[in-house]
Amino acid sequence: MRRRITLPLVATGAMVSTLAVATPAQAHGYVSSPPSRQALCAQNRVPDCGQIRWEPQSVEGPKGLRNCHANISHFAVLNDDNRGWPATSVGTTVTFTWVNTAMHATRDWEYFIGNTRVAVFSGGGRQPGATVSHTVNLSGYPGRQKLLAVWNISDTANAFYSCVDLQVGGGGGNPTPSPSPTTNPPAPSPTPTVAPTTNPPVGGTWTAGRAYAVGDQVTYGGRTYRCRQAHTAIAGWEPPNVPALWSQI
């Protein structure tokens, strides 16, 4: 009788042990502001991105890579520089904000232009919050740049990767030419009077896959919440779960 009891328990223990080993670390995150390439895909601002649109937080690979897709074949679109990625016009000092769907002990965050590390911020081996921001001086890199942001996890061999396209110093492109002066410029047309309008925050029920701006209001679970940080909602980021992104009102 003891043998019949002991053997199933041993088998059960082995099964639990196997499951524990097979379960991946639930640490995910990406740069949401300025929008990284995966953020642009999640917001559908760049079409036909494939699977990354639904899981922008999942670009995870071994530490030490210098590409945008962490060598994950179904995220290869992120490494395609010919996709016409829009560059965000910024000054010479830029604040990058990570949105984390799950927190994990952190070694550091690194920022690269090409193969040059332009900034590093220690994580101290601690778990970060739902959002993390770093201010980086890019005064030595004017013009169009592709910046690689890396979140290095402290207790695994992996890191998370985000590429951000920037126009450092603002401007870029060709300025609009000024019109030639004329002797008798045409009289301006009268501007019609328009009654002032207000643009209320986005309302309705919280929906995964929708982009929310600061101040937008949603309902979830019978309660109303106001957006604190611009982001694209995904499953797991329901308002009660991420107080860094939503505040109850």
C-alpha atoms as a PDB file:
ATOM      1  CA  MET A   1       0.000   0.000   0.000  1.00  0.00           C
ATOM      2  CA  ARG A   2       2.858   2.376   0.807  1.00  0.00           C
ATOM      3  CA  ARG A   3       4.420   1.739  -2.552  1.00  0.00           C
ATOM      4  CA  ARG A   4       1.210   2.688  -4.317  1.00  0.00           C
ATOM      5  CA  ILE A   5       1.124   5.970  -2.453  1.00  0.00           C
ATOM      6  CA  THR A   6       4.812   6.813  -2.673  1.00  0.00           C
ATOM      7  CA  LEU A   7       5.267   6.327  -6.403  1.00  0.00           C
ATOM      8  CA  PRO A   8       2.495   8.758  -7.511  1.00  0.00           C
ATOM      9  CA  LEU A   9       3.859  11.370  -5.110  1.00  0.00           C
ATOM     10  CA  VAL A  10       7.337  11.035  -6.571  1.00  0.00           C
ATOM     11  CA  ALA A  11       5.926  11.294 -10.084  1.00  0.00           C
ATOM     12  CA  THR A  12       3.876  14.316  -9.105  1.00  0.00           C
ATOM     13  CA  GLY A  13       6.928  15.998  -7.599  1.00  0.00           C
ATOM     14  CA  ALA A  14       8.886  15.365 -10.786  1.00  0.00           C
ATOM     15  CA  MET A  15       6.085  16.860 -12.827  1.00  0.00           C
ATOM     16  CA  VAL A  16       5.947  20.003 -10.670  1.00  0.00           C
ATOM     17  CA  SER A  17       9.721  20.320 -10.881  1.00  0.00           C
ATOM     18  CA  THR A  18       9.592  20.047 -14.673  1.00  0.00           C
ATOM     19  CA  LEU A  19       6.890  22.688 -14.915  1.00  0.00           C
ATOM     20  CA  ALA A  20       8.860  25.026 -12.690  1.00  0.00           C
ATOM     21  CA  VAL A  21      11.907  24.737 -14.931  1.00  0.00           C
ATOM     22  CA  ALA A  22       9.893  25.156 -18.131  1.00  0.00           C
ATOM     23  CA  THR A  23       8.042  28.287 -17.021  1.00  0.00           C
ATOM     24  CA  PRO A  24       9.684  31.373 -18.556  1.00  0.00           C
ATOM     25  CA  ALA A  25      10.476  34.453 -16.481  1.00  0.00           C
ATOM     26  CA  GLN A  26       7.572  36.845 -16.728  1.00  0.00           C
ATOM     27  CA  ALA A  27       9.585  40.008 -17.300  1.00  0.00           C
ATOM     28  CA  HIS A  28       8.519  42.147 -20.214  1.00  0.00           C
ATOM     29  CA  GLY A  29       8.865  45.767 -21.268  1.00  0.00           C
ATOM     30  CA  TYR A  30       9.549  48.219 -24.073  1.00  0.00           C
ATOM     31  CA  VAL A  31      10.125  51.929 -24.696  1.00  0.00           C
ATOM     32  CA  SER A  32       6.792  53.695 -25.126  1.00  0.00           C
ATOM     33  CA  SER A  33       8.002  57.311 -25.261  1.00  0.00           C
ATOM     34  CA  PRO A  34       9.380  58.493 -27.599  1.00  0.00           C
ATOM     35  CA  PRO A  35       7.633  55.645 -29.396  1.00  0.00           C
ATOM     36  CA  SER A  36       9.903  52.727 -30.211  1.00  0.00           C
ATOM     37  CA  ARG A  37       9.423  50.704 -33.375  1.00  0.00           C
ATOM     38  CA  GLN A  38       7.328  48.122 -31.555  1.00  0.00           C
ATOM     39  CA  ALA A  39       5.242  50.894 -29.973  1.00  0.00           C
ATOM     40  CA  LEU A  40       4.574  52.335 -33.440  1.00  0.00           C
ATOM     41  CA  CYS A  41       3.483  48.892 -34.592  1.00  0.00           C
ATOM     42  CA  ALA A  42       1.224  48.429 -31.560  1.00  0.00           C
ATOM     43  CA  GLN A  43      -0.391  51.802 -32.313  1.00  0.00           C
ATOM     44  CA  ASN A  44      -0.783  50.759 -35.988  1.00  0.00           C
ATOM     45  CA  ARG A  45       1.155  53.845 -37.062  1.00  0.00           C
ATOM     46  CA  VAL A  46       3.334  51.547 -39.161  1.00  0.00           C
ATOM     47  CA  PRO A  47       1.194  48.903 -40.927  1.00  0.00           C
ATOM     48  CA  ASP A  48       1.875  45.242 -41.608  1.00  0.00           C
ATOM     49  CA  CYS A  49       4.197  44.669 -38.664  1.00  0.00           C
ATOM     50  CA  GLY A  50       2.987  41.167 -38.014  1.00  0.00           C
ATOM     51  CA  GLN A  51       2.947  39.552 -34.586  1.00  0.00           C
ATOM     52  CA  ILE A  52       4.892  42.320 -32.806  1.00  0.00           C
ATOM     53  CA  ARG A  53       1.788  44.502 -32.990  1.00  0.00           C
ATOM     54  CA  TRP A  54       0.144  42.345 -30.337  1.00  0.00           C
ATOM     55  CA  GLU A  55       3.122  41.839 -28.028  1.00  0.00           C
ATOM     56  CA  PRO A  56       5.460  44.859 -28.209  1.00  0.00           C
ATOM     57  CA  GLN A  57       6.822  43.963 -24.780  1.00  0.00           C
ATOM     58  CA  SER A  58       8.237  40.600 -25.872  1.00  0.00           C
ATOM     59  CA  VAL A  59      11.466  41.480 -27.724  1.00  0.00           C
ATOM     60  CA  GLU A  60      13.670  39.370 -25.444  1.00  0.00           C
ATOM     61  CA  GLY A  61      17.003  37.791 -26.289  1.00  0.00           C
ATOM     62  CA  PRO A  62      20.495  37.120 -24.968  1.00  0.00           C
ATOM     63  CA  LYS A  63      22.435  39.996 -23.461  1.00  0.00           C
ATOM     64  CA  GLY A  64      24.930  41.746 -25.739  1.00  0.00           C
ATOM     65  CA  LEU A  65      22.925  41.918 -28.976  1.00  0.00           C
ATOM     66  CA  ARG A  66      22.982  45.096 -31.064  1.00  0.00           C
ATOM     67  CA  ASN A  67      19.832  44.745 -33.126  1.00  0.00           C
ATOM     68  CA  CYS A  68      16.187  45.709 -32.822  1.00  0.00           C
ATOM     69  CA  HIS A  69      14.544  42.271 -32.901  1.00  0.00           C
ATOM     70  CA  ALA A  70      16.649  40.236 -30.427  1.00  0.00           C
ATOM     71  CA  ASN A  71      17.275  37.630 -33.157  1.00  0.00           C
ATOM     72  CA  ILE A  72      13.593  36.594 -33.057  1.00  0.00           C
ATOM     73  CA  SER A  73      12.657  35.734 -36.635  1.00  0.00           C
ATOM     74  CA  HIS A  74       8.959  36.674 -36.398  1.00  0.00           C
ATOM     75  CA  PHE A  75       9.971  40.135 -35.095  1.00  0.00           C
ATOM     76  CA  ALA A  76      12.472  40.725 -37.945  1.00  0.00           C
ATOM     77  CA  VAL A  77      10.412  43.652 -39.243  1.00  0.00           C
ATOM     78  CA  LEU A  78      11.819  45.717 -36.356  1.00  0.00           C
ATOM     79  CA  ASN A  79      15.295  45.414 -37.845  1.00  0.00           C
ATOM     80  CA  ASP A  80      14.206  46.548 -41.336  1.00  0.00           C
ATOM     81  CA  ASP A  81      15.457  50.126 -41.722  1.00  0.00           C
ATOM     82  CA  ASN A  82      13.602  50.449 -45.046  1.00  0.00           C
ATOM     83  CA  ARG A  83      10.145  50.335 -43.477  1.00  0.00           C
ATOM     84  CA  GLY A  84       9.852  54.122 -43.324  1.00  0.00           C
ATOM     85  CA  TRP A  85       9.873  54.333 -39.542  1.00  0.00           C
ATOM     86  CA  PRO A  86       8.790  57.844 -38.507  1.00  0.00           C
ATOM     87  CA  ALA A  87      11.418  59.677 -36.456  1.00  0.00           C
ATOM     88  CA  THR A  88      10.302  61.650 -33.418  1.00  0.00           C
ATOM     89  CA  SER A  89      11.642  65.204 -33.400  1.00  0.00           C
ATOM     90  CA  VAL A  90      13.392  65.801 -30.067  1.00  0.00           C
ATOM     91  CA  GLY A  91      15.843  68.204 -28.476  1.00  0.00           C
ATOM     92  CA  THR A  92      19.366  67.289 -27.492  1.00  0.00           C
ATOM     93  CA  THR A  93      18.222  65.909 -24.128  1.00  0.00           C
ATOM     94  CA  VAL A  94      15.659  63.105 -24.375  1.00  0.00           C
ATOM     95  CA  THR A  95      13.662  61.295 -21.696  1.00  0.00           C
ATOM     96  CA  PHE A  96      12.944  57.658 -22.534  1.00  0.00           C
ATOM     97  CA  THR A  97      10.089  55.898 -20.730  1.00  0.00           C
ATOM     98  CA  TRP A  98       9.841  52.133 -20.444  1.00  0.00           C
ATOM     99  CA  VAL A  99       6.466  50.512 -19.792  1.00  0.00           C
ATOM    100  CA  ASN A 100       6.847  47.169 -18.029  1.00  0.00           C
ATOM    101  CA  THR A 101       4.117  44.553 -18.139  1.00  0.00           C
ATOM    102  CA  ALA A 102       5.923  42.516 -15.497  1.00  0.00           C
ATOM    103  CA  MET A 103       8.768  43.587 -13.259  1.00  0.00           C
ATOM    104  CA  HIS A 104      12.033  41.717 -12.869  1.00  0.00           C
ATOM    105  CA  ALA A 105      15.269  42.313 -10.992  1.00  0.00           C
ATOM    106  CA  THR A 106      17.394  44.626 -13.133  1.00  0.00           C
ATOM    107  CA  ARG A 107      21.126  44.871 -13.740  1.00  0.00           C
ATOM    108  CA  ASP A 108      20.951  48.082 -15.786  1.00  0.00           C
ATOM    109  CA  TRP A 109      19.514  49.914 -18.765  1.00  0.00           C
ATOM    110  CA  GLU A 110      21.832  50.819 -21.657  1.00  0.00           C
ATOM    111  CA  TYR A 111      21.397  53.221 -24.582  1.00  0.00           C
ATOM    112  CA  PHE A 112      23.388  52.933 -27.818  1.00  0.00           C
ATOM    113  CA  ILE A 113      23.876  54.970 -30.994  1.00  0.00           C
ATOM    114  CA  GLY A 114      25.491  52.508 -33.381  1.00  0.00           C
ATOM    115  CA  ASN A 115      28.066  50.613 -31.304  1.00  0.00           C
ATOM    116  CA  THR A 116      28.631  53.542 -28.927  1.00  0.00           C
ATOM    117  CA  ARG A 117      27.018  53.348 -25.521  1.00  0.00           C
ATOM    118  CA  VAL A 118      25.785  56.862 -24.836  1.00  0.00           C
ATOM    119  CA  ALA A 119      24.242  56.209 -21.399  1.00  0.00           C
ATOM    120  CA  VAL A 120      23.821  53.540 -18.732  1.00  0.00           C
ATOM    121  CA  PHE A 121      21.597  53.502 -15.632  1.00  0.00           C
ATOM    122  CA  SER A 122      22.049  50.966 -12.837  1.00  0.00           C
ATOM    123  CA  GLY A 123      19.095  48.898 -11.687  1.00  0.00           C
ATOM    124  CA  GLY A 124      20.834  47.788  -8.499  1.00  0.00           C
ATOM    125  CA  GLY A 125      19.428  44.287  -8.830  1.00  0.00           C
ATOM    126  CA  ARG A 126      15.995  45.589  -7.801  1.00  0.00           C
ATOM    127  CA  GLN A 127      12.592  45.236  -9.435  1.00  0.00           C
ATOM    128  CA  PRO A 128      11.514  48.377 -11.331  1.00  0.00           C
ATOM    129  CA  GLY A 129       8.072  49.930 -11.261  1.00  0.00           C
ATOM    130  CA  ALA A 130       5.452  49.719 -13.990  1.00  0.00           C
ATOM    131  CA  THR A 131       7.156  52.636 -15.724  1.00  0.00           C
ATOM    132  CA  VAL A 132      10.804  53.716 -15.690  1.00  0.00           C
ATOM    133  CA  SER A 133      12.217  56.926 -17.212  1.00  0.00           C
ATOM    134  CA  HIS A 134      15.803  57.930 -18.047  1.00  0.00           C
ATOM    135  CA  THR A 135      17.055  61.252 -19.392  1.00  0.00           C
ATOM    136  CA  VAL A 136      19.869  60.919 -21.952  1.00  0.00           C
ATOM    137  CA  ASN A 137      22.093  63.650 -23.395  1.00  0.00           C
ATOM    138  CA  LEU A 138      22.305  63.225 -27.192  1.00  0.00           C
ATOM    139  CA  SER A 139      23.887  66.589 -27.978  1.00  0.00           C
ATOM    140  CA  GLY A 140      26.792  64.835 -29.689  1.00  0.00           C
ATOM    141  CA  TYR A 141      24.495  63.028 -32.137  1.00  0.00           C
ATOM    142  CA  PRO A 142      22.495  65.593 -34.139  1.00  0.00           C
ATOM    143  CA  GLY A 143      20.214  64.639 -37.003  1.00  0.00           C
ATOM    144  CA  ARG A 144      18.466  61.398 -37.811  1.00  0.00           C
ATOM    145  CA  GLN A 145      19.481  58.605 -35.407  1.00  0.00           C
ATOM    146  CA  LYS A 146      18.405  55.064 -34.552  1.00  0.00           C
ATOM    147  CA  LEU A 147      18.855  54.554 -30.816  1.00  0.00           C
ATOM    148  CA  LEU A 148      18.904  51.091 -29.266  1.00  0.00           C
ATOM    149  CA  ALA A 149      17.607  50.850 -25.685  1.00  0.00           C
ATOM    150  CA  VAL A 150      18.439  47.691 -23.698  1.00  0.00           C
ATOM    151  CA  TRP A 151      16.958  46.460 -20.409  1.00  0.00           C
ATOM    152  CA  ASN A 152      19.393  43.933 -18.885  1.00  0.00           C
ATOM    153  CA  ILE A 153      17.865  41.516 -16.386  1.00  0.00           C
ATOM    154  CA  SER A 154      20.110  40.742 -13.407  1.00  0.00           C
ATOM    155  CA  ASP A 155      19.283  37.098 -12.672  1.00  0.00           C
ATOM    156  CA  THR A 156      18.881  35.699 -16.202  1.00  0.00           C
ATOM    157  CA  ALA A 157      21.061  35.728 -19.310  1.00  0.00           C
ATOM    158  CA  ASN A 158      18.492  37.783 -21.216  1.00  0.00           C
ATOM    159  CA  ALA A 159      17.678  41.392 -22.011  1.00  0.00           C
ATOM    160  CA  PHE A 160      14.829  43.314 -23.672  1.00  0.00           C
ATOM    161  CA  TYR A 161      15.432  45.488 -26.736  1.00  0.00           C
ATOM    162  CA  SER A 162      13.758  48.571 -28.228  1.00  0.00           C
ATOM    163  CA  CYS A 163      14.865  50.679 -31.195  1.00  0.00           C
ATOM    164  CA  VAL A 164      13.742  54.311 -31.280  1.00  0.00           C
ATOM    165  CA  ASP A 165      14.018  56.519 -34.372  1.00  0.00           C
ATOM    166  CA  LEU A 166      14.815  60.145 -33.553  1.00  0.00           C
ATOM    167  CA  GLN A 167      15.477  63.462 -35.231  1.00  0.00           C
ATOM    168  CA  VAL A 168      17.875  64.868 -32.635  1.00  0.00           C
ATOM    169  CA  GLY A 169      17.912  68.640 -32.377  1.00  0.00           C
ATOM    170  CA  GLY A 170      14.508  68.888 -34.044  1.00  0.00           C
ATOM    171  CA  GLY A 171      13.987  70.084 -37.564  1.00  0.00           C
ATOM    172  CA  GLY A 172      15.317  67.980 -40.371  1.00  0.00           C
ATOM    173  CA  GLY A 173      14.166  67.932 -43.971  1.00  0.00           C
ATOM    174  CA  ASN A 174      13.788  70.986 -46.148  1.00  0.00           C
ATOM    175  CA  PRO A 175      12.385  74.211 -44.683  1.00  0.00           C
ATOM    176  CA  THR A 176       9.291  75.649 -46.298  1.00  0.00           C
ATOM    177  CA  PRO A 177      10.373  78.527 -48.578  1.00  0.00           C
ATOM    178  CA  SER A 178       9.086  81.978 -47.728  1.00  0.00           C
ATOM    179  CA  PRO A 179       6.865  83.550 -50.406  1.00  0.00           C
ATOM    180  CA  SER A 180       8.414  86.287 -52.523  1.00  0.00           C
ATOM    181  CA  PRO A 181       7.315  89.768 -51.461  1.00  0.00           C
ATOM    182  CA  THR A 182       4.723  91.437 -53.659  1.00  0.00           C
ATOM    183  CA  THR A 183       3.924  95.074 -54.137  1.00  0.00           C
ATOM    184  CA  ASN A 184       0.217  94.673 -53.548  1.00  0.00           C
ATOM    185  CA  PRO A 185      -0.410  91.557 -51.495  1.00  0.00           C
ATOM    186  CA  PRO A 186      -3.938  90.210 -51.726  1.00  0.00           C
ATOM    187  CA  ALA A 187      -6.272  91.179 -48.939  1.00  0.00           C
ATOM    188  CA  PRO A 188      -6.721  88.354 -46.474  1.00  0.00           C
ATOM    189  CA  SER A 189     -10.015  86.554 -46.515  1.00  0.00           C
ATOM    190  CA  PRO A 190     -12.119  87.181 -43.446  1.00  0.00           C
ATOM    191  CA  THR A 191     -11.781  84.431 -40.885  1.00  0.00           C
ATOM    192  CA  PRO A 192     -15.149  82.942 -40.040  1.00  0.00           C
ATOM    193  CA  THR A 193     -16.086  82.979 -36.400  1.00  0.00           C
ATOM    194  CA  VAL A 194     -16.157  79.497 -34.980  1.00  0.00           C
ATOM    195  CA  ALA A 195     -17.785  78.741 -31.699  1.00  0.00           C
ATOM    196  CA  PRO A 196     -15.241  77.368 -29.231  1.00  0.00           C
ATOM    197  CA  THR A 197     -15.405  73.643 -28.702  1.00  0.00           C
ATOM    198  CA  THR A 198     -13.933  71.337 -26.161  1.00  0.00           C
ATOM    199  CA  ASN A 199     -12.430  67.942 -26.770  1.00  0.00           C
ATOM    200  CA  PRO A 200     -13.409  65.711 -23.875  1.00  0.00           C
ATOM    201  CA  PRO A 201     -11.113  62.858 -22.959  1.00  0.00           C
ATOM    202  CA  VAL A 202     -11.682  59.524 -24.635  1.00  0.00           C
ATOM    203  CA  GLY A 203     -14.339  57.609 -22.760  1.00  0.00           C
ATOM    204  CA  GLY A 204     -15.929  54.197 -22.931  1.00  0.00           C
ATOM    205  CA  THR A 205     -14.806  50.851 -21.672  1.00  0.00           C
ATOM    206  CA  TRP A 206     -11.093  50.040 -21.402  1.00  0.00           C
ATOM    207  CA  THR A 207     -10.066  48.043 -24.490  1.00  0.00           C
ATOM    208  CA  ALA A 208      -6.861  46.108 -25.151  1.00  0.00           C
ATOM    209  CA  GLY A 209      -5.076  47.231 -28.316  1.00  0.00           C
ATOM    210  CA  ARG A 210      -6.240  50.841 -28.049  1.00  0.00           C
ATOM    211  CA  ALA A 211      -3.832  53.777 -27.717  1.00  0.00           C
ATOM    212  CA  TYR A 212      -4.583  56.053 -24.755  1.00  0.00           C
ATOM    213  CA  ALA A 213      -3.298  59.571 -24.125  1.00  0.00           C
ATOM    214  CA  VAL A 214      -2.778  61.324 -20.806  1.00  0.00           C
ATOM    215  CA  GLY A 215      -6.164  62.440 -19.451  1.00  0.00           C
ATOM    216  CA  ASP A 216      -8.275  59.861 -21.279  1.00  0.00           C
ATOM    217  CA  GLN A 217     -10.990  58.348 -19.126  1.00  0.00           C
ATOM    218  CA  VAL A 218     -12.283  54.781 -19.249  1.00  0.00           C
ATOM    219  CA  THR A 219     -14.491  52.501 -17.241  1.00  0.00           C
ATOM    220  CA  TYR A 220     -13.454  49.051 -16.049  1.00  0.00           C
ATOM    221  CA  GLY A 221     -15.125  46.780 -13.531  1.00  0.00           C
ATOM    222  CA  GLY A 222     -17.746  49.428 -12.773  1.00  0.00           C
ATOM    223  CA  ARG A 223     -15.128  52.073 -11.880  1.00  0.00           C
ATOM    224  CA  THR A 224     -13.776  55.076 -13.791  1.00  0.00           C
ATOM    225  CA  TYR A 225     -10.066  55.655 -14.395  1.00  0.00           C
ATOM    226  CA  ARG A 226      -7.958  58.475 -15.855  1.00  0.00           C
ATOM    227  CA  CYS A 227      -4.833  57.757 -17.955  1.00  0.00           C
ATOM    228  CA  ARG A 228      -1.585  58.953 -16.325  1.00  0.00           C
ATOM    229  CA  GLN A 229       0.917  57.823 -18.997  1.00  0.00           C
ATOM    230  CA  ALA A 230       0.398  57.569 -22.769  1.00  0.00           C
ATOM    231  CA  HIS A 231       0.515  53.928 -23.865  1.00  0.00           C
ATOM    232  CA  THR A 232      -1.150  51.238 -25.944  1.00  0.00           C
ATOM    233  CA  ALA A 233      -3.252  48.923 -23.801  1.00  0.00           C
ATOM    234  CA  ILE A 234      -2.591  45.201 -23.843  1.00  0.00           C
ATOM    235  CA  ALA A 235      -3.999  42.279 -21.884  1.00  0.00           C
ATOM    236  CA  GLY A 236      -2.592  42.352 -18.373  1.00  0.00           C
ATOM    237  CA  TRP A 237      -2.545  46.157 -18.214  1.00  0.00           C
ATOM    238  CA  GLU A 238      -6.136  46.511 -17.013  1.00  0.00           C
ATOM    239  CA  PRO A 239      -6.474  49.771 -15.023  1.00  0.00           C
ATOM    240  CA  PRO A 240      -6.595  48.157 -11.556  1.00  0.00           C
ATOM    241  CA  ASN A 241      -3.362  46.281 -12.331  1.00  0.00           C
ATOM    242  CA  VAL A 242      -1.151  49.222 -13.383  1.00  0.00           C
ATOM    243  CA  PRO A 243      -1.620  52.249 -11.074  1.00  0.00           C
ATOM    244  CA  ALA A 244       1.379  53.881 -12.784  1.00  0.00           C
ATOM    245  CA  LEU A 245      -0.736  54.087 -15.954  1.00  0.00           C
ATOM    246  CA  TRP A 246      -4.246  54.639 -14.507  1.00  0.00           C
ATOM    247  CA  SER A 247      -5.657  56.449 -11.481  1.00  0.00           C
ATOM    248  CA  GLN A 248      -9.151  55.774 -10.202  1.00  0.00           C
ATOM    249  CA  ILE A 249     -11.445  58.819 -10.086  1.00  0.00           C
END
